[in-house]
Amino acid sequence: MQQGGGKTQTSEALFQRACKLGVASGCTNHAAGISAAAPNDNAVQRCAVRTYKKTCALDEPWGCTMYALHLARGIGVKADPDAALRVLNQKTPCKYGNDDPACRNGMALKAQLLRGEKASSRK
C-alpha cells in the first residue's frame, strides 16, 4: 500500500496494527513514520530510538540500521558512533544478504563512520 502510493495515514495505521500484533518490522516502520512526521520533536525521536533498539534486539534488519543511524547522528539520543558501529557489526543488518536495502544502507553508514566522517547531529 505504501509503495503503491496509498495514503500515509492508512499505511501508518497498518504498521501500528502489525506492531501491536507482534510483527517487529511493523514496529520499525511505524517508528520510521512517526520519526519522519516530527523530525524536531525530541520525545518522538526518543520513542523511535527505543523502538529501533527493541526491534533490532528482535533480529529485524531495518530496526538495527535505523537504530545505528540515530546513534551515529545523535537523533533522539546522544551521538555515539562507537555504539552505532557495534550495532552495524552484528549480523542482523545484513540478515537477508548484501543486496537487501537495510544491509546496503547500514554498510554505507558503517563505511562513513569508519572514515571518521561526522554525521549531522541533532537532538
PDB file of N, CA and C in Angstrom:
ATOM      1  N   MET A   1       0.817  -1.187   0.000  1.00  0.00           N
ATOM      2  CA  MET A   1       0.000   0.000   0.000  1.00  0.00           C
ATOM      3  C   MET A   1       0.867   1.259   0.000  1.00  0.00           C
ATOM      4  N   GLN A   2       1.908   1.249   0.837  1.00  0.00           N
ATOM      5  CA  GLN A   2       2.795   2.405   0.915  1.00  0.00           C
ATOM      6  C   GLN A   2       3.537   2.598  -0.398  1.00  0.00           C
ATOM      7  N   GLN A   3       4.085   1.517  -0.947  1.00  0.00           N
ATOM      8  CA  GLN A   3       4.839   1.618  -2.191  1.00  0.00           C
ATOM      9  C   GLN A   3       3.944   1.941  -3.373  1.00  0.00           C
ATOM     10  N   GLY A   4       2.669   1.602  -3.279  1.00  0.00           N
ATOM     11  CA  GLY A   4       1.728   1.880  -4.353  1.00  0.00           C
ATOM     12  C   GLY A   4       1.178   3.288  -4.317  1.00  0.00           C
ATOM     13  N   GLY A   5       1.671   4.105  -3.414  1.00  0.00           N
ATOM     14  CA  GLY A   5       1.239   5.497  -3.351  1.00  0.00           C
ATOM     15  C   GLY A   5      -0.021   5.696  -2.522  1.00  0.00           C
ATOM     16  N   GLY A   6      -0.334   4.737  -1.664  1.00  0.00           N
ATOM     17  CA  GLY A   6      -1.501   4.865  -0.802  1.00  0.00           C
ATOM     18  C   GLY A   6      -1.328   5.989   0.206  1.00  0.00           C
ATOM     19  N   LYS A   7      -2.415   6.313   0.867  1.00  0.00           N
ATOM     20  CA  LYS A   7      -2.380   7.380   1.864  1.00  0.00           C
ATOM     21  C   LYS A   7      -1.473   6.994   3.030  1.00  0.00           C
ATOM     22  N   THR A   8      -0.679   7.946   3.466  1.00  0.00           N
ATOM     23  CA  THR A   8       0.249   7.720   4.572  1.00  0.00           C
ATOM     24  C   THR A   8      -0.494   7.273   5.822  1.00  0.00           C
ATOM     25  N   GLN A   9      -1.650   7.875   6.091  1.00  0.00           N
ATOM     26  CA  GLN A   9      -2.401   7.521   7.287  1.00  0.00           C
ATOM     27  C   GLN A   9      -2.799   6.048   7.268  1.00  0.00           C
ATOM     28  N   THR A  10      -3.141   5.536   6.117  1.00  0.00           N
ATOM     29  CA  THR A  10      -3.556   4.144   6.004  1.00  0.00           C
ATOM     30  C   THR A  10      -2.390   3.211   6.273  1.00  0.00           C
ATOM     31  N   SER A  11      -1.255   3.480   5.636  1.00  0.00           N
ATOM     32  CA  SER A  11      -0.098   2.610   5.861  1.00  0.00           C
ATOM     33  C   SER A  11       0.393   2.721   7.301  1.00  0.00           C
ATOM     34  N   GLU A  12       0.354   3.912   7.879  1.00  0.00           N
ATOM     35  CA  GLU A  12       0.772   4.077   9.265  1.00  0.00           C
ATOM     36  C   GLU A  12      -0.138   3.285  10.203  1.00  0.00           C
ATOM     37  N   ALA A  13      -1.429   3.300   9.944  1.00  0.00           N
ATOM     38  CA  ALA A  13      -2.366   2.534  10.771  1.00  0.00           C
ATOM     39  C   ALA A  13      -2.071   1.040  10.659  1.00  0.00           C
ATOM     40  N   LEU A  14      -1.745   0.581   9.469  1.00  0.00           N
ATOM     41  CA  LEU A  14      -1.418  -0.831   9.278  1.00  0.00           C
ATOM     42  C   LEU A  14      -0.112  -1.200   9.965  1.00  0.00           C
ATOM     43  N   PHE A  15       0.884  -0.327   9.900  1.00  0.00           N
ATOM     44  CA  PHE A  15       2.152  -0.583  10.593  1.00  0.00           C
ATOM     45  C   PHE A  15       1.917  -0.657  12.106  1.00  0.00           C
ATOM     46  N   GLN A  16       1.117   0.277  12.625  1.00  0.00           N
ATOM     47  CA  GLN A  16       0.841   0.286  14.055  1.00  0.00           C
ATOM     48  C   GLN A  16       0.101  -0.989  14.459  1.00  0.00           C
ATOM     49  N   ARG A  17      -0.848  -1.418  13.671  1.00  0.00           N
ATOM     50  CA  ARG A  17      -1.596  -2.646  13.966  1.00  0.00           C
ATOM     51  C   ARG A  17      -0.658  -3.853  13.925  1.00  0.00           C
ATOM     52  N   ALA A  18       0.188  -3.932  12.908  1.00  0.00           N
ATOM     53  CA  ALA A  18       1.149  -5.037  12.814  1.00  0.00           C
ATOM     54  C   ALA A  18       2.054  -5.064  14.045  1.00  0.00           C
ATOM     55  N   CYS A  19       2.472  -3.892  14.483  1.00  0.00           N
ATOM     56  CA  CYS A  19       3.325  -3.803  15.670  1.00  0.00           C
ATOM     57  C   CYS A  19       2.588  -4.340  16.893  1.00  0.00           C
ATOM     58  N   LYS A  20       1.354  -3.920  17.064  1.00  0.00           N
ATOM     59  CA  LYS A  20       0.560  -4.392  18.200  1.00  0.00           C
ATOM     60  C   LYS A  20       0.367  -5.906  18.159  1.00  0.00           C
ATOM     61  N   LEU A  21       0.389  -6.474  16.955  1.00  0.00           N
ATOM     62  CA  LEU A  21       0.241  -7.921  16.800  1.00  0.00           C
ATOM     63  C   LEU A  21       1.571  -8.661  16.935  1.00  0.00           C
ATOM     64  N   GLY A  22       2.660  -7.911  17.168  1.00  0.00           N
ATOM     65  CA  GLY A  22       3.952  -8.533  17.413  1.00  0.00           C
ATOM     66  C   GLY A  22       4.859  -8.675  16.208  1.00  0.00           C
ATOM     67  N   VAL A  23       4.555  -7.984  15.118  1.00  0.00           N
ATOM     68  CA  VAL A  23       5.399  -8.032  13.920  1.00  0.00           C
ATOM     69  C   VAL A  23       6.461  -6.935  14.035  1.00  0.00           C
ATOM     70  N   ALA A  24       7.695  -7.349  14.257  1.00  0.00           N
ATOM     71  CA  ALA A  24       8.775  -6.383  14.517  1.00  0.00           C
ATOM     72  C   ALA A  24       8.941  -5.375  13.386  1.00  0.00           C
ATOM     73  N   SER A  25       8.849  -5.810  12.136  1.00  0.00           N
ATOM     74  CA  SER A  25       9.021  -4.866  11.020  1.00  0.00           C
ATOM     75  C   SER A  25       7.901  -3.830  11.005  1.00  0.00           C
ATOM     76  N   GLY A  26       6.716  -4.191  11.482  1.00  0.00           N
ATOM     77  CA  GLY A  26       5.636  -3.215  11.603  1.00  0.00           C
ATOM     78  C   GLY A  26       6.001  -2.134  12.598  1.00  0.00           C
ATOM     79  N   CYS A  27       6.638  -2.530  13.704  1.00  0.00           N
ATOM     80  CA  CYS A  27       7.076  -1.567  14.713  1.00  0.00           C
ATOM     81  C   CYS A  27       8.151  -0.641  14.149  1.00  0.00           C
ATOM     82  N   THR A  28       9.110  -1.215  13.427  1.00  0.00           N
ATOM     83  CA  THR A  28      10.173  -0.406  12.818  1.00  0.00           C
ATOM     84  C   THR A  28       9.576   0.605  11.847  1.00  0.00           C
ATOM     85  N   ASN A  29       8.669   0.154  10.989  1.00  0.00           N
ATOM     86  CA  ASN A  29       8.061   1.055  10.009  1.00  0.00           C
ATOM     87  C   ASN A  29       7.197   2.118  10.672  1.00  0.00           C
ATOM     88  N   HIS A  30       6.504   1.753  11.726  1.00  0.00           N
ATOM     89  CA  HIS A  30       5.699   2.746  12.450  1.00  0.00           C
ATOM     90  C   HIS A  30       6.618   3.804  13.069  1.00  0.00           C
ATOM     91  N   ALA A  31       7.710   3.359  13.682  1.00  0.00           N
ATOM     92  CA  ALA A  31       8.658   4.299  14.276  1.00  0.00           C
ATOM     93  C   ALA A  31       9.249   5.225  13.211  1.00  0.00           C
ATOM     94  N   ALA A  32       9.553   4.670  12.050  1.00  0.00           N
ATOM     95  CA  ALA A  32      10.093   5.499  10.964  1.00  0.00           C
ATOM     96  C   ALA A  32       9.073   6.547  10.529  1.00  0.00           C
ATOM     97  N   GLY A  33       7.809   6.159  10.490  1.00  0.00           N
ATOM     98  CA  GLY A  33       6.763   7.094  10.094  1.00  0.00           C
ATOM     99  C   GLY A  33       6.587   8.228  11.075  1.00  0.00           C
ATOM    100  N   ILE A  34       6.562   7.904  12.371  1.00  0.00           N
ATOM    101  CA  ILE A  34       6.390   8.980  13.352  1.00  0.00           C
ATOM    102  C   ILE A  34       7.641   9.847  13.434  1.00  0.00           C
ATOM    103  N   SER A  35       8.797   9.232  13.233  1.00  0.00           N
ATOM    104  CA  SER A  35      10.050   9.982  13.245  1.00  0.00           C
ATOM    105  C   SER A  35      10.092  10.982  12.093  1.00  0.00           C
ATOM    106  N   ALA A  36       9.696  10.533  10.916  1.00  0.00           N
ATOM    107  CA  ALA A  36       9.701  11.415   9.739  1.00  0.00           C
ATOM    108  C   ALA A  36       8.655  12.517   9.860  1.00  0.00           C
ATOM    109  N   ALA A  37       7.542  12.218  10.520  1.00  0.00           N
ATOM    110  CA  ALA A  37       6.468  13.198  10.647  1.00  0.00           C
ATOM    111  C   ALA A  37       6.800  14.304  11.655  1.00  0.00           C
ATOM    112  N   ALA A  38       7.697  14.015  12.594  1.00  0.00           N
ATOM    113  CA  ALA A  38       8.032  15.002  13.629  1.00  0.00           C
ATOM    114  C   ALA A  38       9.539  15.032  13.856  1.00  0.00           C
ATOM    115  N   PRO A  39      10.303  15.442  12.839  1.00  0.00           N
ATOM    116  CA  PRO A  39      11.766  15.369  12.937  1.00  0.00           C
ATOM    117  C   PRO A  39      12.387  16.229  14.038  1.00  0.00           C
ATOM    118  N   ASN A  40      11.693  17.238  14.500  1.00  0.00           N
ATOM    119  CA  ASN A  40      12.252  18.128  15.521  1.00  0.00           C
ATOM    120  C   ASN A  40      11.651  17.919  16.903  1.00  0.00           C
ATOM    121  N   ASP A  41      10.828  16.887  17.047  1.00  0.00           N
ATOM    122  CA  ASP A  41      10.204  16.592  18.331  1.00  0.00           C
ATOM    123  C   ASP A  41      11.061  15.565  19.071  1.00  0.00           C
ATOM    124  N   ASN A  42      11.762  16.022  20.114  1.00  0.00           N
ATOM    125  CA  ASN A  42      12.686  15.146  20.840  1.00  0.00           C
ATOM    126  C   ASN A  42      11.993  13.940  21.451  1.00  0.00           C
ATOM    127  N   ALA A  43      10.796  14.115  21.971  1.00  0.00           N
ATOM    128  CA  ALA A  43      10.081  12.999  22.586  1.00  0.00           C
ATOM    129  C   ALA A  43       9.761  11.930  21.538  1.00  0.00           C
ATOM    130  N   VAL A  44       9.349  12.354  20.371  1.00  0.00           N
ATOM    131  CA  VAL A  44       9.044  11.419  19.286  1.00  0.00           C
ATOM    132  C   VAL A  44      10.313  10.696  18.847  1.00  0.00           C
ATOM    133  N   GLN A  45      11.402  11.430  18.725  1.00  0.00           N
ATOM    134  CA  GLN A  45      12.656  10.809  18.295  1.00  0.00           C
ATOM    135  C   GLN A  45      13.165   9.813  19.330  1.00  0.00           C
ATOM    136  N   ARG A  46      13.019  10.139  20.617  1.00  0.00           N
ATOM    137  CA  ARG A  46      13.426   9.188  21.666  1.00  0.00           C
ATOM    138  C   ARG A  46      12.573   7.926  21.613  1.00  0.00           C
ATOM    139  N   CYS A  47      11.286   8.087  21.349  1.00  0.00           N
ATOM    140  CA  CYS A  47      10.390   6.936  21.206  1.00  0.00           C
ATOM    141  C   CYS A  47      10.833   6.069  20.023  1.00  0.00           C
ATOM    142  N   ALA A  48      11.146   6.707  18.911  1.00  0.00           N
ATOM    143  CA  ALA A  48      11.600   5.960  17.730  1.00  0.00           C
ATOM    144  C   ALA A  48      12.878   5.190  18.038  1.00  0.00           C
ATOM    145  N   VAL A  49      13.815   5.819  18.738  1.00  0.00           N
ATOM    146  CA  VAL A  49      15.071   5.153  19.095  1.00  0.00           C
ATOM    147  C   VAL A  49      14.804   3.926  19.963  1.00  0.00           C
ATOM    148  N   ARG A  50      13.931   4.071  20.954  1.00  0.00           N
ATOM    149  CA  ARG A  50      13.595   2.921  21.816  1.00  0.00           C
ATOM    150  C   ARG A  50      12.991   1.787  20.987  1.00  0.00           C
ATOM    151  N   THR A  51      12.157   2.151  20.038  1.00  0.00           N
ATOM    152  CA  THR A  51      11.529   1.140  19.182  1.00  0.00           C
ATOM    153  C   THR A  51      12.567   0.448  18.314  1.00  0.00           C
ATOM    154  N   TYR A  52      13.452   1.217  17.691  1.00  0.00           N
ATOM    155  CA  TYR A  52      14.501   0.622  16.858  1.00  0.00           C
ATOM    156  C   TYR A  52      15.392  -0.306  17.675  1.00  0.00           C
ATOM    157  N   LYS A  53      15.724   0.111  18.879  1.00  0.00           N
ATOM    158  CA  LYS A  53      16.565  -0.722  19.737  1.00  0.00           C
ATOM    159  C   LYS A  53      15.877  -2.059  20.028  1.00  0.00           C
ATOM    160  N   LYS A  54      14.580  -1.999  20.322  1.00  0.00           N
ATOM    161  CA  LYS A  54      13.824  -3.220  20.606  1.00  0.00           C
ATOM    162  C   LYS A  54      13.697  -4.113  19.376  1.00  0.00           C
ATOM    163  N   THR A  55      13.409  -3.514  18.220  1.00  0.00           N
ATOM    164  CA  THR A  55      13.249  -4.352  17.028  1.00  0.00           C
ATOM    165  C   THR A  55      14.588  -4.916  16.570  1.00  0.00           C
ATOM    166  N   CYS A  56      15.657  -4.180  16.804  1.00  0.00           N
ATOM    167  CA  CYS A  56      16.992  -4.705  16.498  1.00  0.00           C
ATOM    168  C   CYS A  56      17.261  -5.934  17.364  1.00  0.00           C
ATOM    169  N   ALA A  57      16.896  -5.843  18.641  1.00  0.00           N
ATOM    170  CA  ALA A  57      17.083  -6.986  19.550  1.00  0.00           C
ATOM    171  C   ALA A  57      16.242  -8.183  19.110  1.00  0.00           C
ATOM    172  N   LEU A  58      15.192  -7.921  18.330  1.00  0.00           N
ATOM    173  CA  LEU A  58      14.340  -8.990  17.799  1.00  0.00           C
ATOM    174  C   LEU A  58      14.813  -9.463  16.418  1.00  0.00           C
ATOM    175  N   ASP A  59      16.036  -9.047  16.041  1.00  0.00           N
ATOM    176  CA  ASP A  59      16.655  -9.505  14.795  1.00  0.00           C
ATOM    177  C   ASP A  59      15.993  -8.931  13.537  1.00  0.00           C
ATOM    178  N   GLU A  60      15.523  -7.683  13.623  1.00  0.00           N
ATOM    179  CA  GLU A  60      14.868  -7.022  12.500  1.00  0.00           C
ATOM    180  C   GLU A  60      15.892  -6.107  11.823  1.00  0.00           C
ATOM    181  N   PRO A  61      16.282  -6.399  10.563  1.00  0.00           N
ATOM    182  CA  PRO A  61      17.361  -5.658   9.899  1.00  0.00           C
ATOM    183  C   PRO A  61      17.183  -4.136   9.868  1.00  0.00           C
ATOM    184  N   TRP A  62      16.026  -3.652   9.442  1.00  0.00           N
ATOM    185  CA  TRP A  62      15.849  -2.203   9.383  1.00  0.00           C
ATOM    186  C   TRP A  62      15.866  -1.588  10.776  1.00  0.00           C
ATOM    187  N   GLY A  63      15.390  -2.329  11.776  1.00  0.00           N
ATOM    188  CA  GLY A  63      15.457  -1.826  13.148  1.00  0.00           C
ATOM    189  C   GLY A  63      16.889  -1.533  13.551  1.00  0.00           C
ATOM    190  N   CYS A  64      17.803  -2.452  13.212  1.00  0.00           N
ATOM    191  CA  CYS A  64      19.218  -2.253  13.546  1.00  0.00           C
ATOM    192  C   CYS A  64      19.831  -1.104  12.751  1.00  0.00           C
ATOM    193  N   THR A  65      19.519  -1.047  11.472  1.00  0.00           N
ATOM    194  CA  THR A  65      20.069   0.014  10.636  1.00  0.00           C
ATOM    195  C   THR A  65      19.593   1.385  11.116  1.00  0.00           C
ATOM    196  N   MET A  66      18.308   1.484  11.427  1.00  0.00           N
ATOM    197  CA  MET A  66      17.776   2.768  11.894  1.00  0.00           C
ATOM    198  C   MET A  66      18.290   3.116  13.289  1.00  0.00           C
ATOM    199  N   TYR A  67      18.436   2.123  14.134  1.00  0.00           N
ATOM    200  CA  TYR A  67      18.993   2.369  15.474  1.00  0.00           C
ATOM    201  C   TYR A  67      20.421   2.903  15.338  1.00  0.00           C
ATOM    202  N   ALA A  68      21.208   2.286  14.494  1.00  0.00           N
ATOM    203  CA  ALA A  68      22.582   2.748  14.277  1.00  0.00           C
ATOM    204  C   ALA A  68      22.610   4.162  13.698  1.00  0.00           C
ATOM    205  N   LEU A  69      21.720   4.457  12.779  1.00  0.00           N
ATOM    206  CA  LEU A  69      21.656   5.798  12.193  1.00  0.00           C
ATOM    207  C   LEU A  69      21.383   6.850  13.270  1.00  0.00           C
ATOM    208  N   HIS A  70      20.416   6.570  14.132  1.00  0.00           N
ATOM    209  CA  HIS A  70      20.101   7.519  15.194  1.00  0.00           C
ATOM    210  C   HIS A  70      21.265   7.668  16.171  1.00  0.00           C
ATOM    211  N   LEU A  71      21.923   6.563  16.490  1.00  0.00           N
ATOM    212  CA  LEU A  71      23.101   6.635  17.358  1.00  0.00           C
ATOM    213  C   LEU A  71      24.220   7.443  16.701  1.00  0.00           C
ATOM    214  N   ALA A  72      24.437   7.206  15.427  1.00  0.00           N
ATOM    215  CA  ALA A  72      25.517   7.893  14.712  1.00  0.00           C
ATOM    216  C   ALA A  72      25.281   9.395  14.627  1.00  0.00           C
ATOM    217  N   ARG A  73      24.044   9.779  14.414  1.00  0.00           N
ATOM    218  CA  ARG A  73      23.725  11.191  14.200  1.00  0.00           C
ATOM    219  C   ARG A  73      23.234  11.917  15.442  1.00  0.00           C
ATOM    220  N   GLY A  74      23.022  11.178  16.505  1.00  0.00           N
ATOM    221  CA  GLY A  74      22.524  11.825  17.719  1.00  0.00           C
ATOM    222  C   GLY A  74      21.094  12.292  17.576  1.00  0.00           C
ATOM    223  N   ILE A  75      20.267  11.491  16.938  1.00  0.00           N
ATOM    224  CA  ILE A  75      18.856  11.827  16.770  1.00  0.00           C
ATOM    225  C   ILE A  75      18.068  11.111  17.865  1.00  0.00           C
ATOM    226  N   GLY A  76      17.549  11.880  18.810  1.00  0.00           N
ATOM    227  CA  GLY A  76      16.769  11.309  19.896  1.00  0.00           C
ATOM    228  C   GLY A  76      17.598  10.632  20.969  1.00  0.00           C
ATOM    229  N   VAL A  77      18.885  10.689  20.819  1.00  0.00           N
ATOM    230  CA  VAL A  77      19.817  10.051  21.740  1.00  0.00           C
ATOM    231  C   VAL A  77      21.158  10.761  21.590  1.00  0.00           C
ATOM    232  N   LYS A  78      21.986  10.680  22.602  1.00  0.00           N
ATOM    233  CA  LYS A  78      23.317  11.276  22.497  1.00  0.00           C
ATOM    234  C   LYS A  78      24.099  10.549  21.395  1.00  0.00           C
ATOM    235  N   ALA A  79      24.766  11.290  20.548  1.00  0.00           N
ATOM    236  CA  ALA A  79      25.548  10.686  19.464  1.00  0.00           C
ATOM    237  C   ALA A  79      26.603   9.744  20.045  1.00  0.00           C
ATOM    238  N   ASP A  80      26.660   8.547  19.492  1.00  0.00           N
ATOM    239  CA  ASP A  80      27.617   7.539  19.946  1.00  0.00           C
ATOM    240  C   ASP A  80      28.034   6.688  18.745  1.00  0.00           C
ATOM    241  N   PRO A  81      28.983   7.198  17.942  1.00  0.00           N
ATOM    242  CA  PRO A  81      29.400   6.465  16.743  1.00  0.00           C
ATOM    243  C   PRO A  81      29.932   5.062  17.041  1.00  0.00           C
ATOM    244  N   ASP A  82      30.595   4.892  18.188  1.00  0.00           N
ATOM    245  CA  ASP A  82      31.107   3.558  18.533  1.00  0.00           C
ATOM    246  C   ASP A  82      29.966   2.572  18.758  1.00  0.00           C
ATOM    247  N   ALA A  83      28.920   3.022  19.435  1.00  0.00           N
ATOM    248  CA  ALA A  83      27.752   2.155  19.635  1.00  0.00           C
ATOM    249  C   ALA A  83      27.084   1.864  18.299  1.00  0.00           C
ATOM    250  N   ALA A  84      27.027   2.851  17.417  1.00  0.00           N
ATOM    251  CA  ALA A  84      26.447   2.637  16.090  1.00  0.00           C
ATOM    252  C   ALA A  84      27.228   1.560  15.337  1.00  0.00           C
ATOM    253  N   LEU A  85      28.542   1.624  15.419  1.00  0.00           N
ATOM    254  CA  LEU A  85      29.371   0.604  14.756  1.00  0.00           C
ATOM    255  C   LEU A  85      29.146  -0.779  15.359  1.00  0.00           C
ATOM    256  N   ARG A  86      28.980  -0.857  16.658  1.00  0.00           N
ATOM    257  CA  ARG A  86      28.709  -2.159  17.287  1.00  0.00           C
ATOM    258  C   ARG A  86      27.406  -2.747  16.753  1.00  0.00           C
ATOM    259  N   VAL A  87      26.400  -1.910  16.599  1.00  0.00           N
ATOM    260  CA  VAL A  87      25.120  -2.372  16.057  1.00  0.00           C
ATOM    261  C   VAL A  87      25.307  -2.855  14.618  1.00  0.00           C
ATOM    262  N   LEU A  88      26.044  -2.078  13.836  1.00  0.00           N
ATOM    263  CA  LEU A  88      26.240  -2.426  12.428  1.00  0.00           C
ATOM    264  C   LEU A  88      27.157  -3.626  12.242  1.00  0.00           C
ATOM    265  N   ASN A  89      27.965  -3.955  13.234  1.00  0.00           N
ATOM    266  CA  ASN A  89      28.844  -5.117  13.148  1.00  0.00           C
ATOM    267  C   ASN A  89      28.113  -6.426  13.456  1.00  0.00           C
ATOM    268  N   GLN A  90      26.873  -6.333  13.902  1.00  0.00           N
ATOM    269  CA  GLN A  90      26.066  -7.529  14.111  1.00  0.00           C
ATOM    270  C   GLN A  90      25.684  -8.121  12.749  1.00  0.00           C
ATOM    271  N   LYS A  91      25.215  -9.335  12.763  1.00  0.00           N
ATOM    272  CA  LYS A  91      24.759  -9.977  11.523  1.00  0.00           C
ATOM    273  C   LYS A  91      23.397  -9.458  11.078  1.00  0.00           C
ATOM    274  N   THR A  92      22.619  -8.945  12.005  1.00  0.00           N
ATOM    275  CA  THR A  92      21.225  -8.585  11.716  1.00  0.00           C
ATOM    276  C   THR A  92      21.036  -7.614  10.555  1.00  0.00           C
ATOM    277  N   PRO A  93      21.793  -6.499  10.444  1.00  0.00           N
ATOM    278  CA  PRO A  93      21.514  -5.590   9.326  1.00  0.00           C
ATOM    279  C   PRO A  93      21.592  -6.279   7.955  1.00  0.00           C
ATOM    280  N   CYS A  94      22.394  -7.305   7.849  1.00  0.00           N
ATOM    281  CA  CYS A  94      22.546  -7.999   6.559  1.00  0.00           C
ATOM    282  C   CYS A  94      21.978  -9.419   6.607  1.00  0.00           C
ATOM    283  N   LYS A  95      21.040  -9.624   7.486  1.00  0.00           N
ATOM    284  CA  LYS A  95      20.396 -10.927   7.675  1.00  0.00           C
ATOM    285  C   LYS A  95      19.865 -11.504   6.361  1.00  0.00           C
ATOM    286  N   TYR A  96      19.358 -10.657   5.486  1.00  0.00           N
ATOM    287  CA  TYR A  96      18.782 -11.117   4.218  1.00  0.00           C
ATOM    288  C   TYR A  96      19.734 -10.956   3.033  1.00  0.00           C
ATOM    289  N   GLY A  97      21.006 -10.746   3.316  1.00  0.00           N
ATOM    290  CA  GLY A  97      22.004 -10.662   2.256  1.00  0.00           C
ATOM    291  C   GLY A  97      22.456  -9.250   1.971  1.00  0.00           C
ATOM    292  N   ASN A  98      23.545  -9.166   1.236  1.00  0.00           N
ATOM    293  CA  ASN A  98      24.170  -7.873   0.940  1.00  0.00           C
ATOM    294  C   ASN A  98      23.350  -6.987   0.018  1.00  0.00           C
ATOM    295  N   ASP A  99      22.421  -7.565  -0.736  1.00  0.00           N
ATOM    296  CA  ASP A  99      21.606  -6.770  -1.648  1.00  0.00           C
ATOM    297  C   ASP A  99      20.361  -6.187  -0.986  1.00  0.00           C
ATOM    298  N   ASP A 100      20.088  -6.605   0.242  1.00  0.00           N
ATOM    299  CA  ASP A 100      18.921  -6.085   0.945  1.00  0.00           C
ATOM    300  C   ASP A 100      19.135  -4.599   1.249  1.00  0.00           C
ATOM    301  N   PRO A 101      18.116  -3.763   1.049  1.00  0.00           N
ATOM    302  CA  PRO A 101      18.281  -2.324   1.294  1.00  0.00           C
ATOM    303  C   PRO A 101      18.720  -1.979   2.719  1.00  0.00           C
ATOM    304  N   ALA A 102      18.259  -2.722   3.715  1.00  0.00           N
ATOM    305  CA  ALA A 102      18.699  -2.454   5.090  1.00  0.00           C
ATOM    306  C   ALA A 102      20.201  -2.667   5.211  1.00  0.00           C
ATOM    307  N   CYS A 103      20.693  -3.712   4.577  1.00  0.00           N
ATOM    308  CA  CYS A 103      22.127  -4.005   4.605  1.00  0.00           C
ATOM    309  C   CYS A 103      22.911  -2.925   3.858  1.00  0.00           C
ATOM    310  N   ARG A 104      22.472  -2.600   2.663  1.00  0.00           N
ATOM    311  CA  ARG A 104      23.190  -1.589   1.874  1.00  0.00           C
ATOM    312  C   ARG A 104      23.265  -0.261   2.625  1.00  0.00           C
ATOM    313  N   ASN A 105      22.158   0.166   3.195  1.00  0.00           N
ATOM    314  CA  ASN A 105      22.153   1.434   3.930  1.00  0.00           C
ATOM    315  C   ASN A 105      23.005   1.339   5.189  1.00  0.00           C
ATOM    316  N   GLY A 106      22.900   0.229   5.885  1.00  0.00           N
ATOM    317  CA  GLY A 106      23.711   0.046   7.092  1.00  0.00           C
ATOM    318  C   GLY A 106      25.195   0.031   6.790  1.00  0.00           C
ATOM    319  N   MET A 107      25.582  -0.656   5.717  1.00  0.00           N
ATOM    320  CA  MET A 107      27.001  -0.737   5.380  1.00  0.00           C
ATOM    321  C   MET A 107      27.535   0.598   4.852  1.00  0.00           C
ATOM    322  N   ALA A 108      26.679   1.376   4.201  1.00  0.00           N
ATOM    323  CA  ALA A 108      27.098   2.723   3.778  1.00  0.00           C
ATOM    324  C   ALA A 108      27.338   3.608   5.003  1.00  0.00           C
ATOM    325  N   LEU A 109      26.466   3.497   5.992  1.00  0.00           N
ATOM    326  CA  LEU A 109      26.657   4.243   7.231  1.00  0.00           C
ATOM    327  C   LEU A 109      27.915   3.776   7.946  1.00  0.00           C
ATOM    328  N   LYS A 110      28.137   2.470   7.975  1.00  0.00           N
ATOM    329  CA  LYS A 110      29.331   1.920   8.616  1.00  0.00           C
ATOM    330  C   LYS A 110      30.597   2.455   7.942  1.00  0.00           C
ATOM    331  N   ALA A 111      30.614   2.477   6.618  1.00  0.00           N
ATOM    332  CA  ALA A 111      31.777   2.999   5.892  1.00  0.00           C
ATOM    333  C   ALA A 111      32.007   4.464   6.229  1.00  0.00           C
ATOM    334  N   GLN A 112      30.936   5.228   6.317  1.00  0.00           N
ATOM    335  CA  GLN A 112      31.044   6.641   6.668  1.00  0.00           C
ATOM    336  C   GLN A 112      31.643   6.788   8.067  1.00  0.00           C
ATOM    337  N   LEU A 113      31.161   5.991   8.997  1.00  0.00           N
ATOM    338  CA  LEU A 113      31.675   6.067  10.370  1.00  0.00           C
ATOM    339  C   LEU A 113      33.138   5.640  10.440  1.00  0.00           C
ATOM    340  N   LEU A 114      33.502   4.607   9.695  1.00  0.00           N
ATOM    341  CA  LEU A 114      34.890   4.136   9.712  1.00  0.00           C
ATOM    342  C   LEU A 114      35.852   5.148   9.089  1.00  0.00           C
ATOM    343  N   ARG A 115      35.342   5.951   8.159  1.00  0.00           N
ATOM    344  CA  ARG A 115      36.167   7.007   7.572  1.00  0.00           C
ATOM    345  C   ARG A 115      36.283   8.198   8.520  1.00  0.00           C
ATOM    346  N   GLY A 116      35.526   8.135   9.612  1.00  0.00           N
ATOM    347  CA  GLY A 116      35.586   9.209  10.598  1.00  0.00           C
ATOM    348  C   GLY A 116      34.791  10.425  10.210  1.00  0.00           C
ATOM    349  N   GLU A 117      33.894  10.264   9.244  1.00  0.00           N
ATOM    350  CA  GLU A 117      33.083  11.395   8.832  1.00  0.00           C
ATOM    351  C   GLU A 117      32.087  11.717   9.920  1.00  0.00           C
ATOM    352  N   LYS A 118      31.944  12.974  10.166  1.00  0.00           N
ATOM    353  CA  LYS A 118      30.965  13.432  11.148  1.00  0.00           C
ATOM    354  C   LYS A 118      29.610  13.482  10.477  1.00  0.00           C
ATOM    355  N   ALA A 119      28.660  12.806  11.077  1.00  0.00           N
ATOM    356  CA  ALA A 119      27.299  12.880  10.584  1.00  0.00           C
ATOM    357  C   ALA A 119      26.642  14.108  11.215  1.00  0.00           C
ATOM    358  N   SER A 120      25.677  14.680  10.531  1.00  0.00           N
ATOM    359  CA  SER A 120      24.998  15.835  11.105  1.00  0.00           C
ATOM    360  C   SER A 120      24.342  15.398  12.398  1.00  0.00           C
ATOM    361  N   SER A 121      24.319  16.282  13.351  1.00  0.00           N
ATOM    362  CA  SER A 121      23.815  15.945  14.673  1.00  0.00           C
ATOM    363  C   SER A 121      22.627  16.817  15.024  1.00  0.00           C
ATOM    364  N   ARG A 122      21.607  16.180  15.614  1.00  0.00           N
ATOM    365  CA  ARG A 122      20.502  16.928  16.194  1.00  0.00           C
ATOM    366  C   ARG A 122      19.937  16.103  17.326  1.00  0.00           C
ATOM    367  N   LYS A 123      19.427  16.768  18.310  1.00  0.00           N
ATOM    368  CA  LYS A 123      18.869  16.070  19.479  1.00  0.00           C
ATOM    369  C   LYS A 123      17.503  16.583  19.794  1.00  0.00           C
TER     370      LYS A 123
END
